[in-house]
């Protein structure tokens, strides 16, 4: 039988948690109530990461071992205080997505079974010009986390030479994400090009460690820098988001000093609240300065390698190479 609902005071709101004893993470024994209370406990940091951003929801209302519901549109029926923002997908279609404006909105969505939150790299005031450059370091099979850590420090070195500051976090899985706050003056195509230029700069310094190869068959046992995470409607999981994994790991913001010996498994739904209470949001300074991507765009323009493929669901883009897997390409296409 469902357990009686409870009500949580979240800021100025009262958020109802239905069936609070429902187990979402069986291996850990963590319940829906624990998930909602987790997001409230780290609310200041989670809100900073998602504030005013269109946000996609990955819902598991019957627990993490059930099929996920990927929700880009807010249901028509929702509280009046919950805000939305209209976004445009690569297809040209539009949708009213969740606009996160307060911690209660995060708690409300957690009650709907949202485990992962995936914010866009834009703000509601200007959904066509990203204010965040995202570096997604994705280890390929057989690659240890030590290699991802090394790639992150190398990325930091390149950013430093450009006068840019990156903020690093675990992905909640095997990788790392680095966010760079940028001026919202460039469109998605330009920001993606800047991401490609940065990824290539890192790859050129350590081609044995890092790759920008879009096709998996070409990546080998290296860390892939997923430049396409800067394309329209591509998202990475939010800082402080729980992941739908048996250990309820969290995408945890880190300091660069902490990264030296941090391990992804150190950060989960039960360890991060105490850490947050002790340290606060270690990425609190992320909005203090926004950077220009002009130096990266200049590098991209001067690089005769040109563009790289877009994800398969995108329309063909100007200047994009053929989307043909190398092993399947005909000689004339190779």
Protein backbone atom coordinates (compact mmCIF):
# COMPACT_ATOMS: atom_id res chain seq x y z
CA UNK A 1 0.00 0.00 0.00
CA UNK A 2 1.25 3.54 -0.72
CA UNK A 3 2.55 5.33 2.35
CA UNK A 4 0.71 8.51 3.46
CA UNK A 5 1.96 11.70 1.83
CA UNK A 6 4.10 14.18 3.74
CA UNK A 7 4.59 17.91 3.24
CA UNK A 8 7.95 19.66 3.19
CA UNK A 9 8.47 23.38 3.66
CA UNK A 10 10.76 24.52 0.85
CA UNK A 11 11.36 28.25 0.92
CA UNK A 12 7.97 29.91 0.62
CA UNK A 13 6.34 26.77 -0.76
CA UNK A 14 4.90 23.63 0.69
CA UNK A 15 5.82 20.63 -1.46
CA UNK A 16 3.77 17.46 -1.13
CA UNK A 17 5.72 14.21 -1.28
CA UNK A 18 3.42 11.36 -2.24
CA UNK A 19 4.24 7.78 -1.29
CA UNK A 20 7.45 8.94 0.46
CA UNK A 21 8.53 5.43 1.49
CA UNK A 22 8.63 4.15 -2.08
CA UNK A 23 12.09 2.71 -2.73
CA UNK A 24 13.81 4.30 -5.71
CA UNK A 25 17.30 2.81 -5.24
CA UNK A 26 16.82 -0.83 -4.15
CA UNK A 27 20.51 -1.66 -3.66
CA UNK A 28 20.88 1.33 -1.36
CA UNK A 29 17.39 1.26 0.14
CA UNK A 30 16.98 4.96 -0.66
CA UNK A 31 13.40 6.21 -0.92
CA UNK A 32 11.55 8.94 -2.73
CA UNK A 33 11.52 10.97 0.49
CA UNK A 34 15.30 10.70 0.72
CA UNK A 35 15.63 11.87 -2.88
CA UNK A 36 13.44 14.94 -2.33
CA UNK A 37 15.14 15.77 0.96
CA UNK A 38 18.52 15.41 -0.71
CA UNK A 39 17.64 18.06 -3.30
CA UNK A 40 16.37 20.40 -0.59
CA UNK A 41 19.58 19.93 1.42
CA UNK A 42 21.79 20.98 -1.53
CA UNK A 43 19.19 23.37 -2.90
CA UNK A 44 21.36 26.48 -3.00
CA UNK A 45 23.98 24.76 -5.15
CA UNK A 46 21.51 22.91 -7.35
CA UNK A 47 19.59 26.13 -7.94
CA UNK A 48 22.75 27.98 -8.89
CA UNK A 49 23.47 25.34 -11.52
CA UNK A 50 19.93 25.36 -12.97
CA UNK A 51 18.61 28.85 -12.26
CA UNK A 52 16.58 30.24 -15.16
CA UNK A 53 17.70 27.41 -17.44
CA UNK A 54 15.33 25.30 -19.55
CA UNK A 55 15.73 21.91 -17.90
CA UNK A 56 15.00 18.41 -19.13
CA UNK A 57 13.86 15.79 -16.65
CA UNK A 58 14.84 12.12 -16.53
CA UNK A 59 12.11 10.48 -14.48
CA UNK A 60 11.92 7.03 -12.89
CA UNK A 61 8.61 7.19 -10.97
CA UNK A 62 8.79 3.46 -10.22
CA UNK A 63 12.47 3.35 -9.30
CA UNK A 64 15.75 3.34 -11.17
CA UNK A 65 15.38 -0.16 -12.58
CA UNK A 66 12.31 0.80 -14.60
CA UNK A 67 12.31 2.47 -17.99
CA UNK A 68 13.10 6.17 -17.82
CA UNK A 69 10.74 8.90 -18.96
CA UNK A 70 12.70 11.62 -20.76
CA UNK A 71 10.67 14.78 -20.41
CA UNK A 72 11.51 17.94 -22.31
CA UNK A 73 8.05 19.46 -21.99
CA UNK A 74 6.35 20.33 -18.73
CA UNK A 75 2.90 18.73 -18.38
CA UNK A 76 0.06 21.15 -19.01
CA UNK A 77 -1.13 20.46 -15.48
CA UNK A 78 1.33 21.88 -12.96
CA UNK A 79 1.25 24.40 -10.10
CA UNK A 80 0.80 28.02 -11.14
CA UNK A 81 4.06 28.99 -9.45
CA UNK A 82 6.11 26.56 -11.54
CA UNK A 83 7.58 28.49 -14.46
CA UNK A 84 8.33 27.42 -18.02
CA UNK A 85 10.34 28.77 -20.95
CA UNK A 86 9.91 28.11 -24.67
CA UNK A 87 12.85 26.47 -26.43
CA UNK A 88 13.41 25.53 -30.07
CA UNK A 89 14.76 22.10 -31.03
CA UNK A 90 17.05 21.41 -34.04
CA UNK A 91 13.94 20.25 -35.94
CA UNK A 92 12.41 23.72 -35.56
CA UNK A 93 9.69 22.46 -33.22
CA UNK A 94 9.21 24.22 -29.92
CA UNK A 95 8.31 23.22 -26.38
CA UNK A 96 7.62 24.79 -23.02
CA UNK A 97 10.30 23.36 -20.76
CA UNK A 98 10.73 23.67 -17.02
CA UNK A 99 12.37 26.93 -16.02
CA UNK A 100 14.01 26.46 -12.63
CA UNK A 101 13.58 29.57 -10.49
CA UNK A 102 13.52 28.20 -6.94
CA UNK A 103 14.47 25.14 -4.94
CA UNK A 104 10.81 24.17 -4.57
CA UNK A 105 10.64 23.56 -8.33
CA UNK A 106 13.46 21.03 -8.03
CA UNK A 107 11.77 19.35 -5.05
CA UNK A 108 8.43 19.26 -6.90
CA UNK A 109 10.03 17.51 -9.87
CA UNK A 110 11.87 15.06 -7.60
CA UNK A 111 8.46 14.09 -6.22
CA UNK A 112 7.45 13.26 -9.82
CA UNK A 113 10.27 10.73 -9.86
CA UNK A 114 12.91 12.95 -11.45
CA UNK A 115 16.32 11.52 -10.62
CA UNK A 116 18.49 13.41 -13.13
CA UNK A 117 18.15 17.08 -14.09
CA UNK A 118 19.63 18.18 -17.44
CA UNK A 119 19.70 21.97 -17.90
CA UNK A 120 20.37 23.68 -21.21
CA UNK A 121 23.42 25.92 -21.55
CA UNK A 122 21.22 29.02 -21.95
CA UNK A 123 19.11 31.20 -19.66
CA UNK A 124 15.45 31.99 -20.10
CA UNK A 125 16.17 35.62 -20.94
CA UNK A 126 18.04 34.63 -24.11
CA UNK A 127 17.56 31.03 -25.22
CA UNK A 128 19.52 31.50 -28.45
CA UNK A 129 22.90 32.47 -26.96
CA UNK A 130 24.60 30.07 -24.53
CA UNK A 131 26.30 31.43 -21.44
CA UNK A 132 28.22 28.22 -20.75
CA UNK A 133 30.90 26.34 -22.68
CA UNK A 134 30.81 22.69 -21.68
CA UNK A 135 33.68 20.21 -21.77
CA UNK A 136 32.51 16.61 -21.36
CA UNK A 137 35.39 14.20 -20.71
CA UNK A 138 34.03 10.75 -21.51
CA UNK A 139 36.34 7.76 -20.87
CA UNK A 140 36.02 5.00 -23.43
CA UNK A 141 35.83 1.34 -22.36
CA UNK A 142 39.02 0.24 -20.63
CA UNK A 143 40.02 3.77 -19.60
CA UNK A 144 40.61 4.34 -15.89
CA UNK A 145 39.46 7.43 -14.02
CA UNK A 146 43.11 8.44 -13.54
CA UNK A 147 43.24 9.15 -17.28
CA UNK A 148 40.11 11.31 -17.08
CA UNK A 149 41.68 13.22 -14.21
CA UNK A 150 44.83 13.76 -16.27
CA UNK A 151 42.76 14.99 -19.22
CA UNK A 152 40.92 17.42 -16.95
CA UNK A 153 44.12 18.96 -15.63
CA UNK A 154 45.42 19.27 -19.17
CA UNK A 155 42.18 21.03 -20.16
CA UNK A 156 42.60 23.38 -17.23
CA UNK A 157 46.10 24.19 -18.47
CA UNK A 158 44.82 25.08 -21.94
CA UNK A 159 42.01 27.18 -20.47
CA UNK A 160 44.47 29.01 -18.25
CA UNK A 161 46.60 29.98 -21.25
CA UNK A 162 43.45 31.45 -22.80
CA UNK A 163 42.67 33.40 -19.61
CA UNK A 164 39.59 31.27 -18.93
CA UNK A 165 38.48 29.64 -15.69
CA UNK A 166 36.90 26.20 -15.69
CA UNK A 167 34.83 24.62 -12.93
CA UNK A 168 35.13 20.84 -12.68
CA UNK A 169 32.62 18.28 -11.44
CA UNK A 170 32.15 14.56 -11.55
CA UNK A 171 29.58 13.31 -14.03
CA UNK A 172 28.12 10.92 -11.48
CA UNK A 173 29.35 8.09 -13.66
CA UNK A 174 32.91 7.56 -14.97
CA UNK A 175 33.66 10.97 -16.47
CA UNK A 176 34.20 14.61 -15.62
CA UNK A 177 32.56 17.84 -16.78
CA UNK A 178 34.18 21.27 -16.93
CA UNK A 179 32.00 24.37 -17.23
CA UNK A 180 33.26 27.76 -18.42
CA UNK A 181 30.98 30.74 -18.00
CA UNK A 182 30.95 32.75 -21.25
CA UNK A 183 29.39 35.97 -22.44
CA UNK A 184 26.01 35.22 -24.10
CA UNK A 185 27.01 36.83 -27.40
CA UNK A 186 27.43 33.81 -29.66
CA UNK A 187 24.92 31.32 -31.05
CA UNK A 188 24.95 27.54 -30.60
CA UNK A 189 26.94 26.92 -33.78
CA UNK A 190 29.68 29.33 -32.73
CA UNK A 191 29.86 27.98 -29.19
CA UNK A 192 30.09 24.44 -30.56
CA UNK A 193 32.95 25.57 -32.82
CA UNK A 194 34.69 27.05 -29.79
CA UNK A 195 34.24 23.72 -28.03
CA UNK A 196 35.80 21.90 -30.98
CA UNK A 197 38.77 24.27 -30.97
CA UNK A 198 39.32 23.72 -27.27
CA UNK A 199 38.97 19.94 -27.58
CA UNK A 200 41.49 19.86 -30.43
CA UNK A 201 43.94 21.99 -28.46
CA UNK A 202 43.83 19.42 -25.66
CA UNK A 203 44.01 16.49 -28.08
CA UNK A 204 47.00 17.97 -29.91
CA UNK A 205 48.97 18.06 -26.66
CA UNK A 206 48.19 14.48 -25.68
CA UNK A 207 46.85 12.44 -28.63
CA UNK A 208 47.67 9.24 -26.75
CA UNK A 209 45.30 10.32 -23.96
CA UNK A 210 42.56 12.44 -25.57
CA UNK A 211 40.52 12.14 -28.76
CA UNK A 212 37.91 14.18 -30.61
CA UNK A 213 37.00 11.26 -32.91
CA UNK A 214 33.20 11.24 -33.24
CA UNK A 215 33.09 7.63 -34.41
CA UNK A 216 33.55 5.15 -31.59
CA UNK A 217 35.60 2.79 -33.76
CA UNK A 218 38.30 5.47 -34.00
CA UNK A 219 38.52 6.47 -30.33
CA UNK A 220 40.47 3.57 -28.89
CA UNK A 221 41.22 3.51 -25.17
CA UNK A 222 41.28 7.27 -24.76
CA UNK A 223 39.22 10.05 -23.20
CA UNK A 224 36.71 11.40 -25.70
CA UNK A 225 35.98 15.13 -25.51
CA UNK A 226 32.33 15.29 -26.53
CA UNK A 227 32.25 18.62 -28.36
CA UNK A 228 28.63 18.04 -29.39
CA UNK A 229 27.46 18.69 -25.83
CA UNK A 230 27.60 22.36 -26.89
CA UNK A 231 25.06 21.86 -29.68
CA UNK A 232 21.46 22.99 -29.37
CA UNK A 233 19.30 20.68 -27.23
CA UNK A 234 22.27 18.64 -26.02
CA UNK A 235 22.60 18.66 -22.25
CA UNK A 236 24.87 17.34 -19.52
CA UNK A 237 23.59 16.42 -16.10
CA UNK A 238 23.37 19.32 -13.65
CA UNK A 239 25.75 19.94 -10.78
CA UNK A 240 24.34 18.23 -7.68
CA UNK A 241 22.07 16.01 -9.74
CA UNK A 242 21.64 12.46 -8.53
CA UNK A 243 22.16 9.78 -11.19
CA UNK A 244 19.85 6.84 -11.78
CA UNK A 245 22.51 4.35 -10.76
CA UNK A 246 22.41 1.66 -8.04
CA UNK A 247 24.75 3.61 -5.74
CA UNK A 248 22.82 6.90 -6.23
CA UNK A 249 25.99 8.72 -7.18
CA UNK A 250 25.91 12.49 -7.63
CA UNK A 251 27.40 14.85 -10.19
CA UNK A 252 29.50 16.63 -7.59
CA UNK A 253 31.24 20.00 -8.00
CA UNK A 254 34.89 19.85 -6.95
CA UNK A 255 37.77 22.21 -6.42
CA UNK A 256 40.80 21.54 -8.57
CA UNK A 257 42.77 20.61 -5.47
CA UNK A 258 40.17 18.00 -4.58
CA UNK A 259 40.33 16.46 -8.03
CA UNK A 260 43.88 15.27 -7.32
CA UNK A 261 42.60 12.27 -5.37
CA UNK A 262 38.81 12.36 -5.70
CA UNK A 263 36.94 9.31 -6.95
CA UNK A 264 33.41 9.42 -8.46
CA UNK A 265 32.12 6.86 -5.97
CA UNK A 266 32.95 9.23 -3.09
CA UNK A 267 29.90 11.38 -3.89
CA UNK A 268 26.39 10.04 -3.50
CA UNK A 269 22.95 10.90 -2.18
CA UNK A 270 24.09 10.24 1.41
CA UNK A 271 27.58 11.75 1.44
CA UNK A 272 27.00 14.98 -0.50
CA UNK A 273 24.53 16.65 1.94
CA UNK A 274 27.07 16.53 4.78
CA UNK A 275 29.77 17.78 2.43
CA UNK A 276 27.51 20.63 1.32
CA UNK A 277 26.70 21.54 4.92
CA UNK A 278 30.42 21.66 5.67
CA UNK A 279 31.78 23.37 2.54
CA UNK A 280 28.81 25.02 0.88
CA UNK A 281 28.82 25.23 -2.90
CA UNK A 282 32.45 25.04 -4.03
CA UNK A 283 31.32 26.45 -7.39
CA UNK A 284 29.74 29.54 -5.84
CA UNK A 285 32.08 31.80 -7.84
CA UNK A 286 31.12 30.41 -11.25
CA UNK A 287 28.99 33.44 -12.16
CA UNK A 288 31.55 36.02 -11.01
CA UNK A 289 33.17 36.35 -14.44
CA UNK A 290 32.13 35.59 -18.01
CA UNK A 291 34.70 34.98 -20.73
CA UNK A 292 34.98 35.76 -24.42
CA UNK A 293 35.28 32.82 -26.80
CA UNK A 294 36.84 34.92 -29.57
CA UNK A 295 40.31 33.36 -29.10
CA UNK A 296 38.79 29.90 -29.56
CA UNK A 297 36.78 30.99 -32.60
CA UNK A 298 39.97 32.40 -34.14
CA UNK A 299 41.66 29.03 -33.58
CA UNK A 300 38.73 27.23 -35.16
CA UNK A 301 38.77 29.51 -38.22
CA UNK A 302 42.51 28.98 -38.68
CA UNK A 303 42.28 25.18 -38.39
CA UNK A 304 42.05 23.54 -41.81
CA UNK A 305 40.47 20.42 -40.27
CA UNK A 306 37.13 22.24 -40.37
CA UNK A 307 33.94 21.00 -38.72
CA UNK A 308 33.11 17.64 -37.14
CA UNK A 309 29.90 15.60 -37.43
CA UNK A 310 26.73 16.53 -35.57
CA UNK A 311 24.58 13.95 -33.75
CA UNK A 312 22.40 11.88 -36.10
CA UNK A 313 19.12 13.55 -35.13
CA UNK A 314 20.29 16.96 -36.40
CA UNK A 315 19.55 18.34 -39.85
CA UNK A 316 22.56 18.52 -42.12
CA UNK A 317 24.55 21.58 -41.06
CA UNK A 318 26.55 23.94 -43.31
CA UNK A 319 30.20 22.90 -43.54
CA UNK A 320 29.61 19.62 -41.74
CA UNK A 321 31.51 16.56 -43.07
CA UNK A 322 29.71 13.41 -44.19
CA UNK A 323 28.02 11.44 -41.44
CA UNK A 324 29.42 8.15 -42.60
CA UNK A 325 31.04 5.71 -40.22
CA UNK A 326 34.62 5.28 -41.50
CA UNK A 327 34.43 1.48 -41.72
CA UNK A 328 31.28 1.76 -43.84
CA UNK A 329 32.38 4.61 -46.09
CA UNK A 330 32.79 3.89 -49.79
CA UNK A 331 36.20 4.72 -51.25
CA UNK A 332 34.82 7.81 -52.94
CA UNK A 333 33.53 9.02 -49.59
CA UNK A 334 36.72 8.31 -47.69
